[in-house]
C-alpha atoms as a PDB file:
ATOM      1  CA  MET A   1       0.106 -24.585  27.783  1.00  0.00           C
ATOM      2  CA  SER A   2      -1.908 -27.432  26.396  1.00  0.00           C
ATOM      3  CA  SER A   3      -0.601 -30.683  26.329  1.00  0.00           C
ATOM      4  CA  LYS A   4      -1.799 -31.269  22.144  1.00  0.00           C
ATOM      5  CA  VAL A   5      -0.297 -27.941  20.578  1.00  0.00           C
ATOM      6  CA  GLU A   6       0.204 -28.043  16.907  1.00  0.00           C
ATOM      7  CA  TYR A   7       1.592 -25.052  14.743  1.00  0.00           C
ATOM      8  CA  GLY A   8       0.338 -25.108  10.920  1.00  0.00           C
ATOM      9  CA  VAL A   9      -0.866 -22.843   7.612  1.00  0.00           C
ATOM     10  CA  ALA A  10      -4.173 -21.312   8.718  1.00  0.00           C
ATOM     11  CA  GLU A  11      -6.936 -22.740   5.951  1.00  0.00           C
ATOM     12  CA  SER A  12      -9.407 -20.822   4.254  1.00  0.00           C
ATOM     13  CA  GLY A  13     -12.676 -22.778   6.867  1.00  0.00           C
ATOM     14  CA  ASP A  14      -9.919 -20.833   9.678  1.00  0.00           C
ATOM     15  CA  ALA A  15     -10.993 -17.520   8.442  1.00  0.00           C
ATOM     16  CA  ASN A  16     -13.607 -16.524  10.655  1.00  0.00           C
ATOM     17  CA  SER A  17     -12.052 -18.255  14.032  1.00  0.00           C
ATOM     18  CA  VAL A  18      -8.732 -15.717  13.304  1.00  0.00           C
ATOM     19  CA  TRP A  19     -10.696 -12.913  12.293  1.00  0.00           C
ATOM     20  CA  LYS A  20     -13.065 -13.670  15.877  1.00  0.00           C
ATOM     21  CA  LEU A  21      -9.110 -14.050  17.756  1.00  0.00           C
ATOM     22  CA  VAL A  22      -7.640 -10.723  16.318  1.00  0.00           C
ATOM     23  CA  GLN A  23     -10.726  -8.826  16.874  1.00  0.00           C
ATOM     24  CA  GLN A  24     -11.303 -10.167  20.328  1.00  0.00           C
ATOM     25  CA  THR A  25      -7.837  -9.376  21.179  1.00  0.00           C
ATOM     26  CA  ILE A  26      -7.682  -6.085  19.784  1.00  0.00           C
ATOM     27  CA  GLN A  27     -10.945  -4.819  21.575  1.00  0.00           C
ATOM     28  CA  SER A  28     -10.113  -6.397  24.769  1.00  0.00           C
ATOM     29  CA  VAL A  29      -6.392  -5.418  25.101  1.00  0.00           C
ATOM     30  CA  TYR A  30      -5.625  -2.413  22.977  1.00  0.00           C
ATOM     31  CA  PRO A  31      -8.176   0.124  24.685  1.00  0.00           C
ATOM     32  CA  LYS A  32      -6.149  -0.134  27.889  1.00  0.00           C
ATOM     33  CA  TYR A  33      -3.257   1.651  25.718  1.00  0.00           C
ATOM     34  CA  TYR A  34      -4.859   3.552  22.592  1.00  0.00           C
ATOM     35  CA  PRO A  35      -7.220   6.231  22.433  1.00  0.00           C
ATOM     36  CA  LYS A  36     -10.808   4.838  20.277  1.00  0.00           C
ATOM     37  CA  ALA A  37      -9.469   6.076  16.824  1.00  0.00           C
ATOM     38  CA  VAL A  38      -6.289   3.702  17.215  1.00  0.00           C
ATOM     39  CA  VAL A  39      -7.974   0.837  18.654  1.00  0.00           C
ATOM     40  CA  SER A  40     -10.687   1.191  15.618  1.00  0.00           C
ATOM     41  CA  PHE A  41      -7.623   1.661  13.006  1.00  0.00           C
ATOM     42  CA  PHE A  42      -6.226  -1.625  14.463  1.00  0.00           C
ATOM     43  CA  CYS A  43     -10.161  -3.383  13.907  1.00  0.00           C
ATOM     44  CA  GLN A  44      -9.974  -2.153  10.012  1.00  0.00           C
ATOM     45  CA  LEU A  45      -6.538  -2.994   9.639  1.00  0.00           C
ATOM     46  CA  HIS A  46      -7.100  -6.629  10.666  1.00  0.00           C
ATOM     47  CA  ASP A  47     -10.677  -7.188   8.990  1.00  0.00           C
ATOM     48  CA  PHE A  48     -12.115 -10.120   7.671  1.00  0.00           C
ATOM     49  CA  ALA A  49     -11.187  -9.133   4.050  1.00  0.00           C
ATOM     50  CA  ASN A  50      -7.570  -8.655   4.845  1.00  0.00           C
ATOM     51  CA  ILE A  51      -7.365 -11.995   7.037  1.00  0.00           C
ATOM     52  CA  SER A  52      -8.992 -13.885   4.404  1.00  0.00           C
ATOM     53  CA  SER A  53      -6.859 -12.478   1.768  1.00  0.00           C
ATOM     54  CA  ASP A  54      -3.633 -13.367   3.820  1.00  0.00           C
ATOM     55  CA  ILE A  55      -4.800 -17.142   4.142  1.00  0.00           C
ATOM     56  CA  ASP A  56      -5.283 -17.189   0.583  1.00  0.00           C
ATOM     57  CA  ASN A  57      -1.738 -16.046  -0.205  1.00  0.00           C
ATOM     58  CA  GLY A  58      -0.442 -18.375   2.671  1.00  0.00           C
ATOM     59  CA  ASN A  59       0.750 -16.032   4.641  1.00  0.00           C
ATOM     60  CA  ILE A  60      -1.574 -16.808   8.123  1.00  0.00           C
ATOM     61  CA  LYS A  61      -0.177 -19.421  10.621  1.00  0.00           C
ATOM     62  CA  ILE A  62      -2.285 -20.586  13.661  1.00  0.00           C
ATOM     63  CA  LEU A  63      -1.409 -22.223  16.732  1.00  0.00           C
ATOM     64  CA  THR A  64      -3.734 -24.444  18.171  1.00  0.00           C
ATOM     65  CA  ALA A  65      -4.078 -25.965  21.430  1.00  0.00           C
ATOM     66  CA  ASP A  66      -6.318 -29.259  21.218  1.00  0.00           C
ATOM     67  CA  GLY A  67      -8.219 -28.454  18.230  1.00  0.00           C
ATOM     68  CA  ARG A  68      -9.089 -24.458  19.139  1.00  0.00           C
ATOM     69  CA  ILE A  69      -6.474 -21.833  17.514  1.00  0.00           C
ATOM     70  CA  VAL A  70      -5.158 -20.242  20.590  1.00  0.00           C
ATOM     71  CA  ALA A  71      -2.973 -17.872  18.492  1.00  0.00           C
ATOM     72  CA  THR A  72      -1.943 -16.464  14.837  1.00  0.00           C
ATOM     73  CA  GLY A  73       0.805 -14.275  13.306  1.00  0.00           C
ATOM     74  CA  SER A  74       1.357 -13.903   9.400  1.00  0.00           C
ATOM     75  CA  ARG A  75       4.768 -13.358   7.683  1.00  0.00           C
ATOM     76  CA  VAL A  76       5.864 -12.586   4.183  1.00  0.00           C
ATOM     77  CA  GLY A  77       9.524 -13.377   3.981  1.00  0.00           C
ATOM     78  CA  ASN A  78      11.181 -11.883   6.676  1.00  0.00           C
ATOM     79  CA  HIS A  79       8.182  -9.529   8.200  1.00  0.00           C
ATOM     80  CA  VAL A  80       6.368 -10.881  10.778  1.00  0.00           C
ATOM     81  CA  ALA A  81       2.643  -9.076  11.559  1.00  0.00           C
ATOM     82  CA  ARG A  82      -0.357  -9.816  13.488  1.00  0.00           C
ATOM     83  CA  VAL A  83       0.704 -12.164  16.083  1.00  0.00           C
ATOM     84  CA  PHE A  84      -2.047 -12.294  18.536  1.00  0.00           C
ATOM     85  CA  VAL A  85      -3.249 -15.082  21.430  1.00  0.00           C
ATOM     86  CA  ALA A  86      -6.818 -14.999  22.467  1.00  0.00           C
ATOM     87  CA  PRO A  87      -7.342 -12.821  25.606  1.00  0.00           C
ATOM     88  CA  ASP A  88      -8.201 -15.957  27.813  1.00  0.00           C
ATOM     89  CA  CYS A  89      -5.319 -17.898  26.549  1.00  0.00           C
ATOM     90  CA  MET A  90      -2.682 -15.205  27.044  1.00  0.00           C
ATOM     91  CA  TYR A  91       0.556 -15.503  29.645  1.00  0.00           C
ATOM     92  CA  ASN A  92       0.542 -19.589  28.917  1.00  0.00           C
ATOM     93  CA  GLY A  93       3.509 -19.715  26.267  1.00  0.00           C
ATOM     94  CA  TYR A  94       1.395 -19.415  23.419  1.00  0.00           C
ATOM     95  CA  GLY A  95       2.990 -16.369  22.125  1.00  0.00           C
ATOM     96  CA  SER A  96       6.278 -17.519  22.789  1.00  0.00           C
ATOM     97  CA  LYS A  97       5.775 -20.625  20.816  1.00  0.00           C
ATOM     98  CA  MET A  98       4.219 -19.032  17.628  1.00  0.00           C
ATOM     99  CA  MET A  99       7.138 -16.752  17.372  1.00  0.00           C
ATOM    100  CA  SER A 100       9.467 -19.473  18.026  1.00  0.00           C
ATOM    101  CA  CYS A 101       7.836 -21.017  15.117  1.00  0.00           C
ATOM    102  CA  LEU A 102       7.897 -17.887  12.820  1.00  0.00           C
ATOM    103  CA  GLU A 103      11.427 -17.266  13.699  1.00  0.00           C
ATOM    104  CA  ASP A 104      12.213 -20.981  12.862  1.00  0.00           C
ATOM    105  CA  GLU A 105      10.872 -20.795   9.484  1.00  0.00           C
ATOM    106  CA  ILE A 106      12.109 -17.682   8.652  1.00  0.00           C
ATOM    107  CA  ALA A 107      16.013 -18.623   9.425  1.00  0.00           C
ATOM    108  CA  GLY A 108      14.967 -21.626   7.557  1.00  0.00           C
ATOM    109  CA  GLU A 109      14.518 -19.851   4.650  1.00  0.00           C
ATOM    110  CA  GLY A 110      18.018 -18.154   5.180  1.00  0.00           C
ATOM    111  CA  TYR A 111      17.093 -15.024   6.279  1.00  0.00           C
ATOM    112  CA  ASN A 112      19.609 -13.518   9.071  1.00  0.00           C
ATOM    113  CA  CYS A 113      16.926 -11.170  10.646  1.00  0.00           C
ATOM    114  CA  VAL A 114      13.379 -10.959  11.565  1.00  0.00           C
ATOM    115  CA  CYS A 115      11.657  -7.485  11.169  1.00  0.00           C
ATOM    116  CA  LEU A 116       8.009  -6.317  12.510  1.00  0.00           C
ATOM    117  CA  GLU A 117       6.248  -3.650  13.868  1.00  0.00           C
ATOM    118  CA  THR A 118       4.957  -3.370  17.699  1.00  0.00           C
ATOM    119  CA  SER A 119       1.910  -2.201  19.792  1.00  0.00           C
ATOM    120  CA  ILE A 120       2.158  -0.627  22.893  1.00  0.00           C
ATOM    121  CA  PRO A 121       1.307  -4.333  24.656  1.00  0.00           C
ATOM    122  CA  ALA A 122       3.298  -6.204  23.082  1.00  0.00           C
ATOM    123  CA  LYS A 123       6.749  -4.197  23.051  1.00  0.00           C
ATOM    124  CA  LYS A 124       8.059  -5.716  25.956  1.00  0.00           C
ATOM    125  CA  PHE A 125       7.308  -9.096  24.741  1.00  0.00           C
ATOM    126  CA  TYR A 126       9.335  -8.693  21.727  1.00  0.00           C
ATOM    127  CA  LEU A 127      12.217  -6.715  23.713  1.00  0.00           C
ATOM    128  CA  ASN A 128      12.549  -9.916  26.050  1.00  0.00           C
ATOM    129  CA  ARG A 129      13.314 -12.171  22.378  1.00  0.00           C
ATOM    130  CA  GLY A 130      16.078 -10.259  21.873  1.00  0.00           C
ATOM    131  CA  TYR A 131      14.388  -7.545  19.406  1.00  0.00           C
ATOM    132  CA  MET A 132      15.441  -4.131  18.813  1.00  0.00           C
ATOM    133  CA  VAL A 133      13.778  -0.685  18.021  1.00  0.00           C
ATOM    134  CA  CYS A 134      15.441   0.361  15.116  1.00  0.00           C
ATOM    135  CA  ASP A 135      12.927   2.822  14.153  1.00  0.00           C
ATOM    136  CA  ILE A 136      10.090   4.984  14.917  1.00  0.00           C
ATOM    137  CA  GLN A 137       6.906   5.626  12.589  1.00  0.00           C
ATOM    138  CA  ARG A 138       3.889   7.884  12.577  1.00  0.00           C
ATOM    139  CA  MET A 139       1.035   7.639  10.689  1.00  0.00           C
ATOM    140  CA  LEU A 140      -2.425  10.562  10.830  1.00  0.00           C
ATOM    141  CA  LEU A 141      -5.460   8.697  11.440  1.00  0.00           C
ATOM    142  CA  SER A 142      -7.519  10.580   8.793  1.00  0.00           C
ATOM    143  CA  ASP A 143     -10.868   9.770  10.599  1.00  0.00           C
ATOM    144  CA  SER A 144      -9.885  11.513  13.635  1.00  0.00           C
ATOM    145  CA  ASN A 145      -7.001  13.430  12.536  1.00  0.00           C
ATOM    146  CA  GLN A 146      -5.117  11.646  15.558  1.00  0.00           C
ATOM    147  CA  VAL A 147      -1.452  10.810  15.097  1.00  0.00           C
ATOM    148  CA  PHE A 148      -0.309   6.807  15.982  1.00  0.00           C
ATOM    149  CA  GLU A 149       3.103   6.474  16.629  1.00  0.00           C
ATOM    150  CA  TYR A 150       4.644   2.902  16.667  1.00  0.00           C
ATOM    151  CA  GLU A 151       8.091   0.928  16.356  1.00  0.00           C
ATOM    152  CA  ALA A 152       9.477  -0.732  13.833  1.00  0.00           C
ATOM    153  CA  MET A 153      11.842  -3.717  15.392  1.00  0.00           C
ATOM    154  CA  LYS A 154      14.935  -6.139  14.303  1.00  0.00           C
ATOM    155  CA  LYS A 155      16.134  -9.564  15.327  1.00  0.00           C
ATOM    156  CA  ILE A 156      19.424 -10.734  14.235  1.00  0.00           C
ATOM    157  CA  ILE A 157      18.701 -15.013  13.804  1.00  0.00           C
ATOM    158  CA  ARG A 158      20.867 -17.441  12.695  1.00  0.00           C
ATOM    159  CA  LYS A 159      20.548 -19.080   9.294  1.00  0.00           C
ATOM    160  CA  LYS A 160      19.191 -22.728   9.830  1.00  0.00           C
END
């Protein structure tokens, strides 16, 4: 991990950088695990408009290393979503740092658990952080008539 790592709230000027990081990560990692229709679904789900809206609502956090956005995550209450690390920055501790910051915020607000939905490539990461699968969800992708399955996870945390 870089020596100058900072965690903060994404601002409107960060929207393009956050969107690019998310899209690059989806397009470089997800095709190894999912069919094209599911990759397309993720790209549409995390489009520029949705990211911009979440930034405007103060829901998106960023992790910067030496001034560059290397990871992002969103949260509303105790629900975490859209945690992504730039493909060239993976396996350097940035995802763990992002999750620790999000979990600390959630605990600091008095919640006793963190909830999220996981993708196949991220499942082991969350299991290693103490998350447990609490439900399996299924969604029919109307464009391709394919069923997409994902898992809801939960972690009990201590209130700060």
